[in-house]
Amino acid sequence: VGPSSIRLYYESRNSPGGGLLAGGDDSSNVVIPTGIAEFPNEIFVPPESWVRARYDVRKWTKFSRGGHFAALEQPEVLGKDIIDFFSSLSTSRL
């Protein structure tokens, strides 16, 4: 697990555009509708301004409990948030 998770950070940092952590350029913006579930005990939470500058954020939910393993810690509220996000996309124009 360790090497495979480190690879993600290495490739993000060293790829063209550099990924979110490296700043990147405008060509690496994500145009797909994005939902963010922010948990207070997450290991790394980038500033909201960074994320909104690079992603088409349609929903940003800040939860009061949970962290890196939110799906195990808060499955009901996370599941509802995911359903709400996708439901909103099905009723709006992409």
C-alpha atoms as a PDB file:
ATOM      1  CA  VAL A   1       0.000   0.000   0.000  1.00  0.00           C
ATOM      2  CA  GLY A   2       2.782   2.454   0.882  1.00  0.00           C
ATOM      3  CA  PRO A   3       4.588   2.483  -2.479  1.00  0.00           C
ATOM      4  CA  SER A   4       1.346   2.696  -4.473  1.00  0.00           C
ATOM      5  CA  SER A   5       0.121   5.681  -2.449  1.00  0.00           C
ATOM      6  CA  ILE A   6       3.486   7.436  -2.703  1.00  0.00           C
ATOM      7  CA  ARG A   7       3.451   6.920  -6.480  1.00  0.00           C
ATOM      8  CA  LEU A   8       0.271   9.033  -6.731  1.00  0.00           C
ATOM      9  CA  TYR A   9       2.000  11.979  -5.028  1.00  0.00           C
ATOM     10  CA  TYR A  10       5.200  11.527  -7.056  1.00  0.00           C
ATOM     11  CA  GLU A  11       3.367  11.428 -10.399  1.00  0.00           C
ATOM     12  CA  SER A  12       1.163  14.362  -9.457  1.00  0.00           C
ATOM     13  CA  ARG A  13       4.182  16.426  -8.498  1.00  0.00           C
ATOM     14  CA  ASN A  14       6.320  15.477 -11.514  1.00  0.00           C
ATOM     15  CA  SER A  15       3.783  15.374 -14.330  1.00  0.00           C
ATOM     16  CA  PRO A  16       3.179  18.119 -16.908  1.00  0.00           C
ATOM     17  CA  GLY A  17       0.930  20.650 -15.246  1.00  0.00           C
ATOM     18  CA  GLY A  18       2.182  19.480 -11.885  1.00  0.00           C
ATOM     19  CA  GLY A  19      -1.128  18.607 -10.277  1.00  0.00           C
ATOM     20  CA  LEU A  20      -2.906  20.579  -7.578  1.00  0.00           C
ATOM     21  CA  LEU A  21       0.000  20.506  -5.121  1.00  0.00           C
ATOM     22  CA  ALA A  22       2.507  21.903  -7.593  1.00  0.00           C
ATOM     23  CA  GLY A  23       0.393  24.791  -8.853  1.00  0.00           C
ATOM     24  CA  GLY A  24       0.282  23.577 -12.451  1.00  0.00           C
ATOM     25  CA  ASP A  25      -0.993  25.660 -15.327  1.00  0.00           C
ATOM     26  CA  ASP A  26      -4.445  26.380 -16.736  1.00  0.00           C
ATOM     27  CA  SER A  27      -4.219  23.451 -19.158  1.00  0.00           C
ATOM     28  CA  SER A  28      -4.552  21.055 -16.221  1.00  0.00           C
ATOM     29  CA  ASN A  29      -7.931  22.405 -15.045  1.00  0.00           C
ATOM     30  CA  VAL A  30     -10.630  19.781 -14.525  1.00  0.00           C
ATOM     31  CA  VAL A  31     -13.872  20.651 -16.308  1.00  0.00           C
ATOM     32  CA  ILE A  32     -15.898  17.691 -15.022  1.00  0.00           C
ATOM     33  CA  PRO A  33     -18.446  18.665 -12.329  1.00  0.00           C
ATOM     34  CA  THR A  34     -16.840  18.003  -8.959  1.00  0.00           C
ATOM     35  CA  GLY A  35     -18.175  17.485  -5.448  1.00  0.00           C
ATOM     36  CA  ILE A  36     -16.001  18.006  -2.380  1.00  0.00           C
ATOM     37  CA  ALA A  37     -16.619  16.347   0.978  1.00  0.00           C
ATOM     38  CA  GLU A  38     -14.355  18.085   3.504  1.00  0.00           C
ATOM     39  CA  PHE A  39     -13.822  16.340   6.828  1.00  0.00           C
ATOM     40  CA  PRO A  40     -12.113  18.130   9.754  1.00  0.00           C
ATOM     41  CA  ASN A  41      -9.622  15.344  10.568  1.00  0.00           C
ATOM     42  CA  GLU A  42      -8.414  14.807   7.008  1.00  0.00           C
ATOM     43  CA  ILE A  43      -4.648  14.566   6.614  1.00  0.00           C
ATOM     44  CA  PHE A  44      -4.405  17.328   4.001  1.00  0.00           C
ATOM     45  CA  VAL A  45      -7.072  19.841   3.043  1.00  0.00           C
ATOM     46  CA  PRO A  46      -5.982  22.281   0.325  1.00  0.00           C
ATOM     47  CA  PRO A  47      -7.299  25.836   0.538  1.00  0.00           C
ATOM     48  CA  GLU A  48     -10.732  26.121  -1.025  1.00  0.00           C
ATOM     49  CA  SER A  49      -9.478  28.869  -3.348  1.00  0.00           C
ATOM     50  CA  TRP A  50      -6.893  26.476  -4.853  1.00  0.00           C
ATOM     51  CA  VAL A  51      -9.490  23.795  -5.496  1.00  0.00           C
ATOM     52  CA  ARG A  52     -12.088  26.168  -6.967  1.00  0.00           C
ATOM     53  CA  ALA A  53      -9.446  27.648  -9.280  1.00  0.00           C
ATOM     54  CA  ARG A  54      -8.702  24.210 -10.814  1.00  0.00           C
ATOM     55  CA  TYR A  55     -11.973  22.263 -10.589  1.00  0.00           C
ATOM     56  CA  ASP A  56     -15.601  22.831 -11.602  1.00  0.00           C
ATOM     57  CA  VAL A  57     -16.854  22.596  -8.007  1.00  0.00           C
ATOM     58  CA  ARG A  58     -20.631  22.168  -7.926  1.00  0.00           C
ATOM     59  CA  LYS A  59     -20.959  21.083  -4.284  1.00  0.00           C
ATOM     60  CA  TRP A  60     -18.689  21.606  -1.279  1.00  0.00           C
ATOM     61  CA  THR A  61     -19.791  20.096   1.997  1.00  0.00           C
ATOM     62  CA  LYS A  62     -17.926  20.697   5.259  1.00  0.00           C
ATOM     63  CA  PHE A  63     -18.640  17.961   7.766  1.00  0.00           C
ATOM     64  CA  SER A  64     -18.333  18.330  11.547  1.00  0.00           C
ATOM     65  CA  ARG A  65     -16.815  14.875  12.169  1.00  0.00           C
ATOM     66  CA  GLY A  66     -14.662  12.359  10.358  1.00  0.00           C
ATOM     67  CA  GLY A  67     -11.355  12.292   8.560  1.00  0.00           C
ATOM     68  CA  HIS A  68      -9.185  10.332   6.175  1.00  0.00           C
ATOM     69  CA  PHE A  69     -11.384   7.231   6.502  1.00  0.00           C
ATOM     70  CA  ALA A  70     -14.688   9.100   6.258  1.00  0.00           C
ATOM     71  CA  ALA A  71     -16.470   6.253   4.481  1.00  0.00           C
ATOM     72  CA  LEU A  72     -15.870   4.092   7.555  1.00  0.00           C
ATOM     73  CA  GLU A  73     -16.300   6.858  10.129  1.00  0.00           C
ATOM     74  CA  GLN A  74     -19.367   8.645   8.737  1.00  0.00           C
ATOM     75  CA  PRO A  75     -20.893   6.325   6.113  1.00  0.00           C
ATOM     76  CA  GLU A  76     -24.483   7.596   6.351  1.00  0.00           C
ATOM     77  CA  VAL A  77     -23.732  11.305   5.952  1.00  0.00           C
ATOM     78  CA  LEU A  78     -21.078  10.737   3.290  1.00  0.00           C
ATOM     79  CA  GLY A  79     -23.384   8.427   1.343  1.00  0.00           C
ATOM     80  CA  LYS A  80     -26.215  10.970   1.480  1.00  0.00           C
ATOM     81  CA  ASP A  81     -23.874  13.726   0.314  1.00  0.00           C
ATOM     82  CA  ILE A  82     -22.708  11.645  -2.656  1.00  0.00           C
ATOM     83  CA  ILE A  83     -26.300  10.826  -3.612  1.00  0.00           C
ATOM     84  CA  ASP A  84     -27.279  14.499  -3.293  1.00  0.00           C
ATOM     85  CA  PHE A  85     -24.354  15.533  -5.513  1.00  0.00           C
ATOM     86  CA  PHE A  86     -25.213  13.134  -8.321  1.00  0.00           C
ATOM     87  CA  SER A  87     -28.926  13.865  -8.020  1.00  0.00           C
ATOM     88  CA  SER A  88     -28.234  17.557  -8.521  1.00  0.00           C
ATOM     89  CA  LEU A  89     -26.305  16.771 -11.698  1.00  0.00           C
ATOM     90  CA  SER A  90     -29.104  14.713 -13.164  1.00  0.00           C
ATOM     91  CA  THR A  91     -31.531  17.654 -12.839  1.00  0.00           C
ATOM     92  CA  SER A  92     -29.199  20.361 -14.128  1.00  0.00           C
ATOM     93  CA  ARG A  93     -27.339  20.931 -17.362  1.00  0.00           C
ATOM     94  CA  LEU A  94     -23.760  19.776 -17.346  1.00  0.00           C
END
